[in-house]
Amino acid sequence: MYGRALRSGTGQAFTRVVIKHIRQSYGIPGVAAQLQTAGWLTAVEIATQLRLQAGTAKRWAREGLLRAVRADDRGRLLFEPPAGPLPRPQQGKRLRDRRRYPQCAPHMPKEVQCEA
């Protein structure tokens, strides 16, 4: 999953455990830690700020109302702090009509394998 074509000096594949060990050995922070240091918010934090449920914030990210990125391989989202007017619930108005950002990719990749 991580190093599909890359190999270590000994010819071993890079696995999640190997990458975690390398990051810990050299003190390299993960993507989530870097984004949180830059001010990005978790789903609970953005939901509290917008007075929503965390699930609603995640749905808004999927639909493009909030900007979010996948922080890790577990599918955890980190949200960019909203700038300008805060989005708020609007009953009866479709989410796709209110979209400000590209839709957030789903957690599970939909890979297609074909046989040649």
Protein backbone atom coordinates (compact mmCIF):
# COMPACT_ATOMS: atom_id res chain seq x y z
CA MET A 1 0.00 0.00 0.00
CA TYR A 2 2.71 2.54 0.92
CA GLY A 3 5.72 1.72 -1.22
CA ARG A 4 4.18 -0.18 -4.06
CA ALA A 5 7.26 -0.04 -6.27
CA LEU A 6 9.86 1.19 -3.80
CA ARG A 7 12.18 -1.21 -2.01
CA SER A 8 14.63 -0.78 0.84
CA GLY A 9 18.39 -1.21 0.40
CA THR A 10 17.98 -4.88 1.31
CA GLY A 11 15.16 -5.40 -1.20
CA GLN A 12 12.35 -5.48 1.36
CA ALA A 13 9.01 -3.78 0.74
CA PHE A 14 8.11 -0.69 2.74
CA THR A 15 5.23 -1.62 5.02
CA ARG A 16 3.27 0.58 7.39
CA VAL A 17 5.25 -0.82 10.34
CA VAL A 18 8.60 -0.15 8.67
CA ILE A 19 7.61 3.42 7.81
CA LYS A 20 6.36 4.00 11.37
CA HIS A 21 9.67 2.71 12.76
CA ILE A 22 11.68 4.99 10.43
CA ARG A 23 9.56 8.02 11.38
CA GLN A 24 9.96 7.31 15.10
CA SER A 25 13.70 6.68 14.80
CA TYR A 26 14.36 9.98 13.03
CA GLY A 27 11.68 12.05 14.77
CA ILE A 28 9.69 12.73 11.59
CA PRO A 29 6.13 13.83 12.38
CA GLY A 30 3.24 12.34 10.47
CA VAL A 31 0.93 14.24 8.15
CA ALA A 32 -1.74 14.56 10.84
CA ALA A 33 0.69 16.11 13.32
CA GLN A 34 1.97 18.56 10.72
CA LEU A 35 -1.54 19.65 9.74
CA GLN A 36 -2.66 20.03 13.36
CA THR A 37 0.41 22.15 14.06
CA ALA A 38 -0.61 24.31 11.09
CA GLY A 39 -4.04 24.85 12.69
CA TRP A 40 -6.20 22.23 10.98
CA LEU A 41 -9.04 20.91 13.13
CA THR A 42 -10.42 17.46 13.92
CA ALA A 43 -14.05 16.59 13.16
CA VAL A 44 -15.07 17.16 16.79
CA GLU A 45 -13.31 20.54 16.94
CA ILE A 46 -14.84 21.84 13.70
CA ALA A 47 -18.25 20.51 14.72
CA THR A 48 -18.02 22.37 18.04
CA GLN A 49 -17.00 25.56 16.26
CA LEU A 50 -19.89 25.29 13.77
CA ARG A 51 -22.36 23.98 16.40
CA LEU A 52 -22.96 20.74 14.49
CA GLN A 53 -22.58 17.03 15.03
CA ALA A 54 -19.25 15.52 13.96
CA GLY A 55 -21.07 13.32 11.44
CA THR A 56 -22.60 16.38 9.81
CA ALA A 57 -19.17 18.00 9.50
CA LYS A 58 -17.85 14.84 7.82
CA ARG A 59 -20.80 14.75 5.43
CA TRP A 60 -20.24 18.42 4.58
CA ALA A 61 -16.60 17.61 3.81
CA ARG A 62 -17.65 14.76 1.52
CA GLU A 63 -20.06 17.11 -0.26
CA GLY A 64 -17.56 19.97 -0.57
CA LEU A 65 -18.96 22.51 1.91
CA LEU A 66 -15.87 22.21 4.13
CA ARG A 67 -12.31 21.56 3.03
CA ALA A 68 -10.87 18.40 4.58
CA VAL A 69 -8.08 15.94 3.87
CA ARG A 70 -7.48 12.37 4.96
CA ALA A 71 -4.94 12.50 7.77
CA ASP A 72 -4.06 8.82 8.00
CA ASP A 73 -4.83 5.37 6.66
CA ARG A 74 -7.71 4.98 9.12
CA GLY A 75 -9.72 7.61 7.26
CA ARG A 76 -9.50 10.32 9.93
CA LEU A 77 -10.29 13.76 8.50
CA LEU A 78 -8.63 17.04 9.34
CA PHE A 79 -10.50 20.21 8.43
CA GLU A 80 -9.06 23.50 7.25
CA PRO A 81 -10.20 26.31 9.55
CA PRO A 82 -13.07 28.00 7.71
CA ALA A 83 -12.33 31.45 6.34
CA GLY A 84 -15.04 33.94 5.57
CA PRO A 85 -18.66 33.25 6.39
CA LEU A 86 -19.17 29.97 8.25
CA PRO A 87 -21.41 27.42 6.57
CA ARG A 88 -24.60 26.72 8.45
CA PRO A 89 -27.47 24.29 8.08
CA GLN A 90 -30.02 25.30 5.45
CA GLN A 91 -33.03 23.06 5.48
CA GLY A 92 -34.37 22.27 2.03
CA LYS A 93 -31.27 23.39 0.11
CA ARG A 94 -29.26 20.65 -1.56
CA LEU A 95 -25.64 20.29 -0.51
CA ARG A 96 -24.40 20.08 -4.09
CA ASP A 97 -25.87 23.53 -4.74
CA ARG A 98 -23.86 24.95 -1.81
CA ARG A 99 -20.51 23.31 -2.68
CA ARG A 100 -17.41 25.51 -2.22
CA TYR A 101 -14.61 22.92 -2.45
CA PRO A 102 -14.07 19.70 -4.41
CA GLN A 103 -15.71 16.68 -2.84
CA CYS A 104 -13.54 14.76 -0.34
CA ALA A 105 -12.51 11.34 -1.62
CA PRO A 106 -14.14 8.34 0.09
CA HIS A 107 -12.08 6.40 2.61
CA MET A 108 -12.06 3.09 0.76
CA PRO A 109 -10.44 3.34 -2.66
CA LYS A 110 -12.45 1.92 -5.52
CA GLU A 111 -9.69 0.25 -7.44
CA VAL A 112 -10.48 -1.65 -10.57
CA GLN A 113 -8.32 -4.55 -11.58
CA CYS A 114 -8.51 -5.87 -15.07
CA GLU A 115 -6.98 -8.91 -16.59
CA ALA A 116 -5.17 -8.36 -19.84
